[in-house]
Amino acid sequence: MVCHGVPSQQLFDQHIAYLEEKHKVKIVDYAFRNNKGWGVCEIFRFRKPGKEKIQEKRLPSYVLSPYLYSFMYSYTYRYSCYDCKFACIPRQGDITLADYWNVKNFFPNIDTGKGVSMIMINSAKGKELWEQVKDNCAWEVSNVKDAATYNRNVIHASVMPSIRETIYDDIEKDGYMRIAETKFRGKDYRKKRIKFIVKESKWYYFFKKMVNNKNQRK
């Protein structure tokens, strides 16, 4: 598989603890980028103190999740990830799987409702396996140059940003919560946050339905 990089287990554990402290809940399940349709990045299921009912919260953008924000910008990977020997052509393995980002730039009519994968055939065995399953897929023929245009990890490792040299020391010194709410936030965090709060409001879909009905009567 094509990989951006892997943060430490300790960082992930700190993020779960941060969410539990922030929302005053006990998290029972966590997932991110699980492809339940575009616009869902972080999902966690939780139980409030003294309650048996399990609830779910979904964040629509990586900008709203400090863990995902730092991941997307390569802040927190293991050092070996920035010098990955497998992020190159030829790829290892018989078949490589990856995201085909911005695929509509190359295939304008393709359905991207739940994302589109890139499948790279690397060997005779890989081709044999692909021939067995391809009739069950909707697919198009592409090339490495196009597939790697918006997913550079197909052909090279992530570049280590300068913040990586100090970020784990900063977390140890100041605590994950402080770093999460400062260095792991982008410039458009407040804008995304307000938009998210508005959409979460029980009145949002009520007014949206009213506007749609009004437009339909015109």
N, C-alpha and C. Protein backbone atom coordinates (compact mmCIF):
# COMPACT_ATOMS: atom_id res chain seq x y z
N MET A 1 0.83 -1.19 0.00
CA MET A 1 0.00 0.00 0.00
C MET A 1 0.87 1.25 0.00
N VAL A 2 0.36 2.31 -0.58
CA VAL A 2 1.07 3.58 -0.57
C VAL A 2 0.77 4.26 0.77
N CYS A 3 1.81 4.69 1.45
CA CYS A 3 1.69 5.19 2.82
C CYS A 3 2.32 6.57 2.94
N HIS A 4 1.64 7.47 3.67
CA HIS A 4 2.22 8.79 3.97
C HIS A 4 3.33 8.64 5.01
N GLY A 5 3.02 7.87 6.06
CA GLY A 5 3.91 7.73 7.19
C GLY A 5 3.12 7.27 8.39
N VAL A 6 3.81 6.96 9.49
CA VAL A 6 3.15 6.42 10.68
C VAL A 6 3.59 7.18 11.93
N PRO A 7 2.66 7.85 12.61
CA PRO A 7 2.99 8.49 13.89
C PRO A 7 3.19 7.43 14.97
N SER A 8 3.67 7.85 16.13
CA SER A 8 3.92 6.91 17.21
C SER A 8 2.62 6.46 17.88
N GLN A 9 2.64 5.27 18.47
CA GLN A 9 1.49 4.78 19.23
C GLN A 9 1.22 5.70 20.41
N GLN A 10 2.27 6.21 21.02
CA GLN A 10 2.11 7.10 22.17
C GLN A 10 1.30 8.34 21.79
N LEU A 11 1.55 8.90 20.62
CA LEU A 11 0.82 10.08 20.16
C LEU A 11 -0.67 9.75 19.99
N PHE A 12 -0.97 8.60 19.42
CA PHE A 12 -2.36 8.20 19.24
C PHE A 12 -3.06 8.04 20.59
N ASP A 13 -2.38 7.41 21.54
CA ASP A 13 -2.95 7.23 22.87
C ASP A 13 -3.22 8.59 23.52
N GLN A 14 -2.33 9.54 23.31
CA GLN A 14 -2.52 10.88 23.86
C GLN A 14 -3.70 11.59 23.22
N HIS A 15 -3.92 11.33 21.94
CA HIS A 15 -5.06 11.94 21.26
C HIS A 15 -6.38 11.40 21.80
N ILE A 16 -6.45 10.09 22.03
CA ILE A 16 -7.66 9.49 22.60
C ILE A 16 -7.91 10.08 23.99
N ALA A 17 -6.86 10.21 24.80
CA ALA A 17 -7.00 10.79 26.14
C ALA A 17 -7.46 12.24 26.05
N TYR A 18 -6.97 12.96 25.05
CA TYR A 18 -7.36 14.36 24.83
C TYR A 18 -8.86 14.45 24.50
N LEU A 19 -9.34 13.59 23.62
CA LEU A 19 -10.75 13.60 23.26
C LEU A 19 -11.64 13.27 24.47
N GLU A 20 -11.19 12.31 25.27
CA GLU A 20 -11.96 11.93 26.44
C GLU A 20 -12.03 13.07 27.45
N GLU A 21 -10.93 13.77 27.64
CA GLU A 21 -10.89 14.90 28.57
C GLU A 21 -11.70 16.07 28.03
N LYS A 22 -11.58 16.35 26.76
CA LYS A 22 -12.26 17.48 26.14
C LYS A 22 -13.78 17.31 26.18
N HIS A 23 -14.25 16.11 25.88
CA HIS A 23 -15.69 15.86 25.79
C HIS A 23 -16.27 15.21 27.05
N LYS A 24 -15.40 14.90 28.02
CA LYS A 24 -15.84 14.27 29.28
C LYS A 24 -16.60 12.98 29.02
N VAL A 25 -15.98 12.11 28.23
CA VAL A 25 -16.61 10.84 27.86
C VAL A 25 -15.58 9.72 27.91
N LYS A 26 -16.05 8.48 27.74
CA LYS A 26 -15.18 7.32 27.59
C LYS A 26 -15.32 6.82 26.17
N ILE A 27 -14.26 6.89 25.39
CA ILE A 27 -14.30 6.46 23.99
C ILE A 27 -14.21 4.93 23.92
N VAL A 28 -15.14 4.34 23.17
CA VAL A 28 -15.20 2.89 23.04
C VAL A 28 -14.79 2.42 21.64
N ASP A 29 -14.74 3.35 20.69
CA ASP A 29 -14.35 2.97 19.33
C ASP A 29 -13.89 4.23 18.59
N TYR A 30 -12.87 4.09 17.76
CA TYR A 30 -12.33 5.25 17.04
C TYR A 30 -11.95 4.81 15.62
N ALA A 31 -12.23 5.67 14.66
CA ALA A 31 -11.83 5.40 13.28
C ALA A 31 -11.60 6.72 12.57
N PHE A 32 -10.73 6.71 11.58
CA PHE A 32 -10.59 7.89 10.74
C PHE A 32 -10.41 7.47 9.29
N ARG A 33 -10.93 8.33 8.41
CA ARG A 33 -10.85 8.09 6.97
C ARG A 33 -11.37 6.69 6.62
N ASN A 34 -12.53 6.34 7.19
CA ASN A 34 -13.04 4.99 6.97
C ASN A 34 -13.96 4.88 5.77
N ASN A 35 -14.03 5.96 4.99
CA ASN A 35 -14.73 5.95 3.70
C ASN A 35 -16.23 5.76 3.82
N LYS A 36 -16.83 6.32 4.87
CA LYS A 36 -18.30 6.34 4.93
C LYS A 36 -18.80 7.56 4.16
N GLY A 37 -18.30 7.70 2.97
CA GLY A 37 -18.66 8.86 2.16
C GLY A 37 -17.67 9.99 2.39
N TRP A 38 -17.44 10.81 1.38
CA TRP A 38 -16.53 11.93 1.51
C TRP A 38 -17.05 12.91 2.56
N GLY A 39 -16.16 13.59 3.22
CA GLY A 39 -16.55 14.59 4.20
C GLY A 39 -16.60 14.05 5.62
N VAL A 40 -16.21 12.78 5.83
CA VAL A 40 -16.12 12.22 7.17
C VAL A 40 -14.67 11.79 7.40
N CYS A 41 -14.00 12.50 8.30
CA CYS A 41 -12.58 12.21 8.52
C CYS A 41 -12.32 11.46 9.82
N GLU A 42 -12.91 11.93 10.92
CA GLU A 42 -12.68 11.30 12.22
C GLU A 42 -14.02 10.92 12.84
N ILE A 43 -14.13 9.68 13.28
CA ILE A 43 -15.35 9.19 13.91
C ILE A 43 -14.97 8.54 15.23
N PHE A 44 -15.62 8.94 16.30
CA PHE A 44 -15.40 8.21 17.54
C PHE A 44 -16.73 7.98 18.25
N ARG A 45 -16.88 6.79 18.80
CA ARG A 45 -18.07 6.40 19.54
C ARG A 45 -17.73 6.44 21.02
N PHE A 46 -18.66 6.91 21.82
CA PHE A 46 -18.34 7.16 23.22
C PHE A 46 -19.54 6.91 24.13
N ARG A 47 -19.23 6.80 25.41
CA ARG A 47 -20.25 6.63 26.44
C ARG A 47 -20.02 7.71 27.49
N LYS A 48 -21.08 8.44 27.83
CA LYS A 48 -20.99 9.47 28.86
C LYS A 48 -21.01 8.81 30.24
N PRO A 49 -20.36 9.44 31.23
CA PRO A 49 -20.33 8.86 32.58
C PRO A 49 -21.73 8.56 33.11
N GLY A 50 -21.90 7.35 33.61
CA GLY A 50 -23.20 6.96 34.17
C GLY A 50 -24.24 6.58 33.15
N LYS A 51 -23.88 6.58 31.88
CA LYS A 51 -24.82 6.25 30.81
C LYS A 51 -24.39 4.97 30.11
N GLU A 52 -25.37 4.18 29.68
CA GLU A 52 -25.08 2.96 28.93
C GLU A 52 -25.13 3.19 27.42
N LYS A 53 -25.91 4.18 27.01
CA LYS A 53 -26.08 4.44 25.58
C LYS A 53 -24.77 4.90 24.95
N ILE A 54 -24.44 4.30 23.82
CA ILE A 54 -23.24 4.68 23.08
C ILE A 54 -23.63 5.68 21.99
N GLN A 55 -22.94 6.80 21.96
CA GLN A 55 -23.19 7.84 20.97
C GLN A 55 -22.01 7.95 20.01
N GLU A 56 -22.21 8.69 18.95
CA GLU A 56 -21.17 8.80 17.92
C GLU A 56 -20.99 10.26 17.52
N LYS A 57 -19.75 10.63 17.30
CA LYS A 57 -19.44 11.98 16.84
C LYS A 57 -18.58 11.87 15.58
N ARG A 58 -18.92 12.67 14.56
CA ARG A 58 -18.16 12.66 13.31
C ARG A 58 -17.63 14.05 13.01
N LEU A 59 -16.37 14.12 12.69
CA LEU A 59 -15.77 15.39 12.28
C LEU A 59 -15.60 15.36 10.76
N PRO A 60 -16.08 16.38 10.05
CA PRO A 60 -16.09 16.36 8.59
C PRO A 60 -14.78 16.79 7.93
N SER A 61 -13.83 17.27 8.71
CA SER A 61 -12.60 17.78 8.10
C SER A 61 -11.40 17.48 8.99
N TYR A 62 -10.27 17.12 8.38
CA TYR A 62 -9.06 16.87 9.16
C TYR A 62 -8.59 18.12 9.88
N VAL A 63 -9.03 19.28 9.42
CA VAL A 63 -8.66 20.54 10.07
C VAL A 63 -9.19 20.58 11.51
N LEU A 64 -10.28 19.89 11.78
CA LEU A 64 -10.90 19.91 13.11
C LEU A 64 -10.30 18.88 14.06
N SER A 65 -9.45 18.01 13.55
CA SER A 65 -8.82 16.98 14.38
C SER A 65 -7.32 17.24 14.48
N PRO A 66 -6.80 17.54 15.66
CA PRO A 66 -5.36 17.80 15.77
C PRO A 66 -4.50 16.61 15.35
N TYR A 67 -4.98 15.41 15.63
CA TYR A 67 -4.22 14.22 15.24
C TYR A 67 -4.13 14.10 13.73
N LEU A 68 -5.27 14.28 13.05
CA LEU A 68 -5.28 14.16 11.59
C LEU A 68 -4.59 15.34 10.92
N TYR A 69 -4.74 16.53 11.51
CA TYR A 69 -4.08 17.71 10.94
C TYR A 69 -2.57 17.50 10.95
N SER A 70 -2.03 17.06 12.08
CA SER A 70 -0.58 16.84 12.16
C SER A 70 -0.15 15.70 11.24
N PHE A 71 -1.04 14.72 11.07
CA PHE A 71 -0.74 13.60 10.16
C PHE A 71 -0.69 14.07 8.71
N MET A 72 -1.68 14.85 8.30
CA MET A 72 -1.76 15.28 6.91
C MET A 72 -0.56 16.14 6.50
N TYR A 73 -0.01 16.88 7.45
CA TYR A 73 1.13 17.74 7.15
C TYR A 73 2.47 17.12 7.56
N SER A 74 2.47 15.84 7.84
CA SER A 74 3.72 15.07 8.07
C SER A 74 4.49 15.52 9.31
N TYR A 75 3.79 16.07 10.31
CA TYR A 75 4.48 16.59 11.49
C TYR A 75 5.04 15.51 12.41
N THR A 76 4.42 14.34 12.40
CA THR A 76 4.62 13.42 13.53
C THR A 76 5.03 12.00 13.14
N TYR A 77 5.50 11.79 11.94
CA TYR A 77 5.85 10.43 11.51
C TYR A 77 7.13 9.95 12.21
N ARG A 78 7.31 8.64 12.18
CA ARG A 78 8.58 8.07 12.63
C ARG A 78 9.68 8.54 11.66
N TYR A 79 10.88 8.70 12.17
CA TYR A 79 11.97 9.20 11.33
C TYR A 79 12.20 8.32 10.10
N SER A 80 12.01 7.01 10.27
CA SER A 80 12.23 6.09 9.15
C SER A 80 11.29 6.36 7.99
N CYS A 81 10.12 6.95 8.27
CA CYS A 81 9.13 7.20 7.23
C CYS A 81 9.62 8.25 6.22
N TYR A 82 10.43 9.19 6.70
CA TYR A 82 10.94 10.24 5.81
C TYR A 82 12.08 9.73 4.94
N ASP A 83 12.52 8.51 5.23
CA ASP A 83 13.57 7.89 4.42
C ASP A 83 13.13 6.50 3.99
N CYS A 84 11.84 6.38 3.67
CA CYS A 84 11.27 5.08 3.31
C CYS A 84 11.90 4.52 2.03
N LYS A 85 12.36 3.29 2.11
CA LYS A 85 13.00 2.65 0.95
C LYS A 85 11.99 2.02 -0.01
N PHE A 86 10.72 2.04 0.36
CA PHE A 86 9.71 1.37 -0.46
C PHE A 86 8.83 2.35 -1.23
N ALA A 87 8.98 3.64 -0.97
CA ALA A 87 8.18 4.65 -1.67
C ALA A 87 8.87 5.03 -2.97
N CYS A 88 8.81 4.14 -3.92
CA CYS A 88 9.51 4.35 -5.18
C CYS A 88 8.96 3.39 -6.24
N ILE A 89 9.40 3.60 -7.44
CA ILE A 89 9.12 2.68 -8.54
C ILE A 89 10.42 1.98 -8.90
N PRO A 90 10.46 0.64 -9.05
CA PRO A 90 9.31 -0.28 -8.95
C PRO A 90 8.84 -0.45 -7.50
N ARG A 91 7.54 -0.68 -7.36
CA ARG A 91 6.95 -0.89 -6.04
C ARG A 91 7.21 -2.32 -5.57
N GLN A 92 7.15 -2.49 -4.24
CA GLN A 92 7.24 -3.84 -3.68
C GLN A 92 5.87 -4.51 -3.77
N GLY A 93 5.85 -5.82 -3.79
CA GLY A 93 4.58 -6.56 -3.80
C GLY A 93 4.04 -6.74 -5.20
N ASP A 94 3.07 -7.61 -5.32
CA ASP A 94 2.48 -7.92 -6.63
C ASP A 94 1.46 -6.87 -7.06
N ILE A 95 0.76 -6.29 -6.08
CA ILE A 95 -0.24 -5.26 -6.36
C ILE A 95 -0.08 -4.13 -5.34
N THR A 96 -0.17 -2.90 -5.80
CA THR A 96 -0.14 -1.73 -4.92
C THR A 96 -1.50 -1.06 -4.92
N LEU A 97 -1.98 -0.68 -3.73
CA LEU A 97 -3.24 0.04 -3.58
C LEU A 97 -2.97 1.42 -3.02
N ALA A 98 -3.71 2.41 -3.51
CA ALA A 98 -3.53 3.79 -3.04
C ALA A 98 -4.77 4.60 -3.35
N ASP A 99 -4.84 5.81 -2.77
CA ASP A 99 -5.88 6.76 -3.16
C ASP A 99 -5.51 7.37 -4.51
N TYR A 100 -6.53 7.56 -5.35
CA TYR A 100 -6.30 8.27 -6.61
C TYR A 100 -6.87 9.67 -6.44
N TRP A 101 -6.07 10.53 -5.81
CA TRP A 101 -6.54 11.89 -5.53
C TRP A 101 -6.75 12.70 -6.79
N ASN A 102 -7.82 13.52 -6.78
CA ASN A 102 -8.16 14.39 -7.92
C ASN A 102 -8.30 13.61 -9.22
N VAL A 103 -8.88 12.43 -9.11
CA VAL A 103 -9.01 11.56 -10.28
C VAL A 103 -9.86 12.20 -11.38
N LYS A 104 -10.78 13.09 -11.00
CA LYS A 104 -11.63 13.72 -12.01
C LYS A 104 -10.85 14.61 -12.97
N ASN A 105 -9.65 15.01 -12.59
CA ASN A 105 -8.81 15.77 -13.52
C ASN A 105 -8.42 14.93 -14.73
N PHE A 106 -8.44 13.62 -14.54
CA PHE A 106 -8.01 12.71 -15.61
C PHE A 106 -9.20 11.91 -16.18
N PHE A 107 -10.21 11.67 -15.32
CA PHE A 107 -11.40 10.94 -15.75
C PHE A 107 -12.63 11.71 -15.27
N PRO A 108 -13.04 12.74 -15.99
CA PRO A 108 -14.10 13.66 -15.55
C PRO A 108 -15.43 13.00 -15.24
N ASN A 109 -15.73 11.87 -15.88
CA ASN A 109 -17.04 11.24 -15.71
C ASN A 109 -17.09 10.14 -14.65
N ILE A 110 -15.98 9.93 -13.97
CA ILE A 110 -15.93 8.83 -13.01
C ILE A 110 -16.71 9.19 -11.74
N ASP A 111 -17.33 8.20 -11.12
CA ASP A 111 -18.10 8.39 -9.88
C ASP A 111 -17.13 8.39 -8.70
N THR A 112 -17.05 9.52 -8.00
CA THR A 112 -16.13 9.62 -6.87
C THR A 112 -16.87 9.70 -5.53
N GLY A 113 -18.12 9.27 -5.51
CA GLY A 113 -18.95 9.39 -4.32
C GLY A 113 -18.34 8.79 -3.07
N LYS A 114 -17.66 7.68 -3.21
CA LYS A 114 -17.03 7.04 -2.06
C LYS A 114 -15.52 6.89 -2.24
N GLY A 115 -14.98 7.77 -3.08
CA GLY A 115 -13.54 7.70 -3.31
C GLY A 115 -13.19 6.76 -4.44
N VAL A 116 -11.98 6.91 -4.96
CA VAL A 116 -11.50 6.07 -6.05
C VAL A 116 -10.11 5.58 -5.70
N SER A 117 -9.88 4.30 -5.85
CA SER A 117 -8.58 3.70 -5.55
C SER A 117 -7.73 3.59 -6.80
N MET A 118 -6.44 3.68 -6.60
CA MET A 118 -5.48 3.38 -7.65
C MET A 118 -4.97 1.95 -7.41
N ILE A 119 -4.99 1.14 -8.45
CA ILE A 119 -4.49 -0.23 -8.36
C ILE A 119 -3.34 -0.37 -9.35
N MET A 120 -2.17 -0.65 -8.82
CA MET A 120 -0.98 -0.79 -9.68
C MET A 120 -0.58 -2.27 -9.75
N ILE A 121 -0.47 -2.78 -10.95
CA ILE A 121 -0.07 -4.18 -11.15
C ILE A 121 1.44 -4.22 -11.32
N ASN A 122 2.13 -4.93 -10.41
CA ASN A 122 3.60 -4.89 -10.37
C ASN A 122 4.29 -6.16 -10.85
N SER A 123 3.54 -7.23 -11.05
CA SER A 123 4.18 -8.49 -11.40
C SER A 123 3.20 -9.37 -12.18
N ALA A 124 3.73 -10.46 -12.69
CA ALA A 124 2.89 -11.41 -13.43
C ALA A 124 1.83 -12.00 -12.49
N LYS A 125 2.21 -12.27 -11.26
CA LYS A 125 1.25 -12.81 -10.30
C LYS A 125 0.17 -11.77 -10.00
N GLY A 126 0.59 -10.50 -9.89
CA GLY A 126 -0.37 -9.43 -9.66
C GLY A 126 -1.36 -9.32 -10.80
N LYS A 127 -0.87 -9.45 -12.02
CA LYS A 127 -1.75 -9.39 -13.19
C LYS A 127 -2.73 -10.55 -13.20
N GLU A 128 -2.24 -11.73 -12.81
CA GLU A 128 -3.10 -12.91 -12.77
C GLU A 128 -4.24 -12.71 -11.76
N LEU A 129 -3.92 -12.14 -10.61
CA LEU A 129 -4.93 -11.88 -9.59
C LEU A 129 -5.93 -10.83 -10.06
N TRP A 130 -5.42 -9.79 -10.72
CA TRP A 130 -6.29 -8.73 -11.22
C TRP A 130 -7.27 -9.26 -12.26
N GLU A 131 -6.81 -10.13 -13.11
CA GLU A 131 -7.67 -10.70 -14.14
C GLU A 131 -8.83 -11.48 -13.52
N GLN A 132 -8.62 -12.02 -12.34
CA GLN A 132 -9.66 -12.80 -11.67
C GLN A 132 -10.75 -11.93 -11.06
N VAL A 133 -10.45 -10.67 -10.77
CA VAL A 133 -11.42 -9.83 -10.05
C VAL A 133 -11.88 -8.62 -10.83
N LYS A 134 -11.24 -8.28 -11.91
CA LYS A 134 -11.51 -7.01 -12.59
C LYS A 134 -12.95 -6.87 -13.09
N ASP A 135 -13.60 -7.99 -13.41
CA ASP A 135 -14.98 -7.90 -13.90
C ASP A 135 -15.96 -7.48 -12.81
N ASN A 136 -15.51 -7.52 -11.57
CA ASN A 136 -16.35 -7.08 -10.44
C ASN A 136 -16.09 -5.62 -10.07
N CYS A 137 -15.27 -4.96 -10.85
CA CYS A 137 -14.89 -3.57 -10.55
C CYS A 137 -15.27 -2.64 -11.69
N ALA A 138 -15.48 -1.37 -11.36
CA ALA A 138 -15.59 -0.33 -12.39
C ALA A 138 -14.20 0.29 -12.48
N TRP A 139 -13.55 0.18 -13.62
CA TRP A 139 -12.15 0.60 -13.71
C TRP A 139 -11.82 1.24 -15.04
N GLU A 140 -10.73 1.99 -15.03
CA GLU A 140 -10.18 2.63 -16.21
C GLU A 140 -8.67 2.42 -16.22
N VAL A 141 -8.09 2.44 -17.40
CA VAL A 141 -6.64 2.31 -17.52
C VAL A 141 -6.00 3.68 -17.32
N SER A 142 -5.01 3.75 -16.44
CA SER A 142 -4.30 5.01 -16.18
C SER A 142 -2.80 4.77 -16.25
N ASN A 143 -2.01 5.67 -15.69
CA ASN A 143 -0.56 5.52 -15.69
C ASN A 143 0.02 6.11 -14.41
N VAL A 144 1.27 5.78 -14.12
CA VAL A 144 1.92 6.19 -12.88
C VAL A 144 2.04 7.71 -12.79
N LYS A 145 2.35 8.37 -13.90
CA LYS A 145 2.53 9.81 -13.87
C LYS A 145 1.27 10.53 -13.39
N ASP A 146 0.12 10.15 -13.92
CA ASP A 146 -1.13 10.78 -13.50
C ASP A 146 -1.49 10.41 -12.06
N ALA A 147 -1.35 9.14 -11.72
CA ALA A 147 -1.72 8.68 -10.38
C ALA A 147 -0.87 9.33 -9.30
N ALA A 148 0.38 9.65 -9.63
CA ALA A 148 1.30 10.23 -8.65
C ALA A 148 1.26 11.76 -8.62
N THR A 149 0.51 12.37 -9.53
CA THR A 149 0.48 13.84 -9.60
C THR A 149 0.00 14.44 -8.29
N TYR A 150 -1.04 13.86 -7.68
CA TYR A 150 -1.59 14.38 -6.43
C TYR A 150 -1.38 13.42 -5.27
N ASN A 151 -0.63 12.38 -5.49
CA ASN A 151 -0.27 11.44 -4.43
C ASN A 151 1.21 11.09 -4.61
N ARG A 152 2.05 12.00 -4.15
CA ARG A 152 3.47 11.87 -4.42
C ARG A 152 4.11 10.68 -3.70
N ASN A 153 3.43 10.14 -2.68
CA ASN A 153 4.00 9.00 -1.98
C ASN A 153 4.03 7.74 -2.82
N VAL A 154 3.38 7.78 -3.98
CA VAL A 154 3.50 6.66 -4.91
C VAL A 154 4.96 6.49 -5.35
N ILE A 155 5.67 7.61 -5.47
CA ILE A 155 7.02 7.56 -6.03
C ILE A 155 8.12 8.06 -5.09
N HIS A 156 7.77 8.72 -3.98
CA HIS A 156 8.82 9.09 -3.03
C HIS A 156 8.26 9.29 -1.63
N ALA A 157 9.13 9.24 -0.64
CA ALA A 157 8.73 9.35 0.76
C ALA A 157 8.30 10.77 1.09
N SER A 158 7.55 10.92 2.19
CA SER A 158 7.15 12.23 2.66
C SER A 158 8.39 13.05 3.06
N VAL A 159 8.31 14.33 2.85
CA VAL A 159 9.41 15.23 3.22
C VAL A 159 9.24 15.62 4.69
N MET A 160 10.30 15.56 5.45
CA MET A 160 10.23 15.88 6.87
C MET A 160 10.23 17.39 7.07
N PRO A 161 9.17 17.94 7.70
CA PRO A 161 9.13 19.38 7.97
C PRO A 161 10.01 19.71 9.18
N SER A 162 10.40 20.96 9.29
CA SER A 162 11.30 21.36 10.39
C SER A 162 10.67 21.14 11.76
N ILE A 163 9.35 21.23 11.85
CA ILE A 163 8.67 21.07 13.14
C ILE A 163 8.88 19.68 13.73
N ARG A 164 9.17 18.70 12.88
CA ARG A 164 9.33 17.33 13.36
C ARG A 164 10.50 17.18 14.33
N GLU A 165 11.50 18.02 14.20
CA GLU A 165 12.67 17.91 15.06
C GLU A 165 12.35 18.20 16.52
N THR A 166 11.32 18.98 16.78
CA THR A 166 11.04 19.40 18.16
C THR A 166 9.64 19.04 18.66
N ILE A 167 8.76 18.57 17.79
CA ILE A 167 7.35 18.46 18.16
C ILE A 167 7.11 17.47 19.31
N TYR A 168 7.81 16.34 19.33
CA TYR A 168 7.59 15.38 20.42
C TYR A 168 8.14 15.92 21.73
N ASP A 169 9.24 16.66 21.68
CA ASP A 169 9.76 17.31 22.88
C ASP A 169 8.78 18.36 23.39
N ASP A 170 8.17 19.09 22.45
CA ASP A 170 7.18 20.11 22.84
C ASP A 170 5.97 19.47 23.52
N ILE A 171 5.54 18.32 22.98
CA ILE A 171 4.39 17.62 23.58
C ILE A 171 4.74 17.13 24.98
N GLU A 172 5.94 16.61 25.15
CA GLU A 172 6.37 16.12 26.46
C GLU A 172 6.46 17.27 27.46
N LYS A 173 6.92 18.42 27.01
CA LYS A 173 7.10 19.58 27.89
C LYS A 173 5.78 20.27 28.21
N ASP A 174 4.96 20.54 27.18
CA ASP A 174 3.75 21.35 27.35
C ASP A 174 2.46 20.53 27.44
N GLY A 175 2.53 19.25 27.09
CA GLY A 175 1.34 18.42 27.10
C GLY A 175 0.65 18.41 25.75
N TYR A 176 0.02 17.29 25.44
CA TYR A 176 -0.62 17.14 24.13
C TYR A 176 -1.73 18.15 23.92
N MET A 177 -2.52 18.43 24.95
CA MET A 177 -3.66 19.33 24.78
C MET A 177 -3.21 20.71 24.30
N ARG A 178 -2.17 21.24 24.89
CA ARG A 178 -1.69 22.58 24.50
C ARG A 178 -1.20 22.59 23.05
N ILE A 179 -0.44 21.56 22.68
CA ILE A 179 0.07 21.48 21.30
C ILE A 179 -1.07 21.25 20.32
N ALA A 180 -2.04 20.41 20.72
CA ALA A 180 -3.19 20.12 19.85
C ALA A 180 -3.97 21.38 19.52
N GLU A 181 -4.04 22.29 20.47
CA GLU A 181 -4.86 23.48 20.30
C GLU A 181 -4.06 24.71 19.86
N THR A 182 -2.79 24.49 19.53
CA THR A 182 -1.96 25.58 19.00
C THR A 182 -1.27 25.14 17.71
N LYS A 183 -0.25 24.30 17.82
CA LYS A 183 0.56 23.93 16.66
C LYS A 183 -0.14 22.94 15.72
N PHE A 184 -1.18 22.26 16.23
CA PHE A 184 -1.91 21.30 15.40
C PHE A 184 -3.23 21.89 14.90
N ARG A 185 -3.25 23.19 14.71
CA ARG A 185 -4.43 23.86 14.16
C ARG A 185 -4.03 24.76 13.00
N GLY A 186 -4.81 24.67 11.91
CA GLY A 186 -4.54 25.49 10.74
C GLY A 186 -5.21 26.86 10.84
N LYS A 187 -4.90 27.71 9.89
CA LYS A 187 -5.44 29.07 9.87
C LYS A 187 -6.96 29.09 9.71
N ASP A 188 -7.50 28.10 9.04
CA ASP A 188 -8.95 28.08 8.80
C ASP A 188 -9.71 27.25 9.82
N TYR A 189 -9.08 26.96 10.98
CA TYR A 189 -9.74 26.13 11.99
C TYR A 189 -11.05 26.77 12.47
N ARG A 190 -11.01 28.06 12.83
CA ARG A 190 -12.20 28.71 13.38
C ARG A 190 -13.34 28.71 12.37
N LYS A 191 -13.02 28.99 11.12
CA LYS A 191 -14.04 29.00 10.07
C LYS A 191 -14.68 27.63 9.93
N LYS A 192 -13.85 26.59 9.88
CA LYS A 192 -14.37 25.22 9.76
C LYS A 192 -15.17 24.83 11.01
N ARG A 193 -14.70 25.28 12.16
CA ARG A 193 -15.36 24.94 13.42
C ARG A 193 -16.76 25.56 13.49
N ILE A 194 -16.86 26.82 13.12
CA ILE A 194 -18.16 27.50 13.13
C ILE A 194 -19.12 26.83 12.16
N LYS A 195 -18.63 26.51 10.98
CA LYS A 195 -19.45 25.84 9.97
C LYS A 195 -19.95 24.50 10.49
N PHE A 196 -19.08 23.78 11.18
CA PHE A 196 -19.43 22.47 11.72
C PHE A 196 -20.50 22.61 12.80
N ILE A 197 -20.33 23.59 13.70
CA ILE A 197 -21.30 23.81 14.77
C ILE A 197 -22.68 24.15 14.20
N VAL A 198 -22.69 24.98 13.17
CA VAL A 198 -23.96 25.36 12.53
C VAL A 198 -24.64 24.13 11.94
N LYS A 199 -23.87 23.30 11.26
CA LYS A 199 -24.45 22.11 10.63
C LYS A 199 -24.91 21.08 11.66
N GLU A 200 -24.27 21.09 12.84
CA GLU A 200 -24.67 20.15 13.89
C GLU A 200 -25.96 20.57 14.56
N SER A 201 -26.31 21.85 14.43
CA SER A 201 -27.50 22.38 15.08
C SER A 201 -28.74 21.67 14.55
N LYS A 202 -29.68 21.40 15.45
CA LYS A 202 -30.93 20.72 15.05
C LYS A 202 -31.77 21.60 14.13
N TRP A 203 -31.51 22.91 14.14
CA TRP A 203 -32.27 23.82 13.29
C TRP A 203 -31.74 23.89 11.87
N TYR A 204 -30.51 23.44 11.66
CA TYR A 204 -29.87 23.57 10.34
C TYR A 204 -30.68 22.87 9.25
N TYR A 205 -30.98 21.60 9.46
CA TYR A 205 -31.68 20.82 8.44
C TYR A 205 -33.15 21.25 8.31
N PHE A 206 -33.70 21.79 9.41
CA PHE A 206 -35.06 22.32 9.36
C PHE A 206 -35.14 23.50 8.39
N PHE A 207 -34.24 24.48 8.55
CA PHE A 207 -34.22 25.64 7.66
C PHE A 207 -33.81 25.26 6.24
N LYS A 208 -32.90 24.30 6.12
CA LYS A 208 -32.48 23.85 4.80
C LYS A 208 -33.65 23.23 4.05
N LYS A 209 -34.46 22.45 4.77
CA LYS A 209 -35.63 21.82 4.15
C LYS A 209 -36.64 22.88 3.74
N MET A 210 -36.83 23.91 4.57
CA MET A 210 -37.75 24.99 4.24
C MET A 210 -37.32 25.72 2.98
N VAL A 211 -36.00 25.99 2.86
CA VAL A 211 -35.49 26.70 1.68
C VAL A 211 -35.67 25.85 0.44
N ASN A 212 -35.39 24.54 0.55
CA ASN A 212 -35.56 23.65 -0.60
C ASN A 212 -37.01 23.58 -1.06
N ASN A 213 -37.94 23.50 -0.09
CA ASN A 213 -39.37 23.46 -0.43
C ASN A 213 -39.81 24.76 -1.09
N LYS A 214 -39.27 25.87 -0.59
CA LYS A 214 -39.61 27.18 -1.17
C LYS A 214 -39.12 27.29 -2.61
N ASN A 215 -37.90 26.79 -2.84
CA ASN A 215 -37.33 26.83 -4.19
C ASN A 215 -38.11 25.94 -5.17
N GLN A 216 -38.59 24.81 -4.64
CA GLN A 216 -39.34 23.90 -5.49
C GLN A 216 -40.69 24.47 -5.91
N ARG A 217 -41.26 25.35 -5.08
CA ARG A 217 -42.56 25.97 -5.40
C ARG A 217 -42.45 27.11 -6.39
N LYS A 218 -41.21 27.60 -6.60
CA LYS A 218 -41.04 28.72 -7.54
C LYS A 218 -41.23 28.27 -8.98
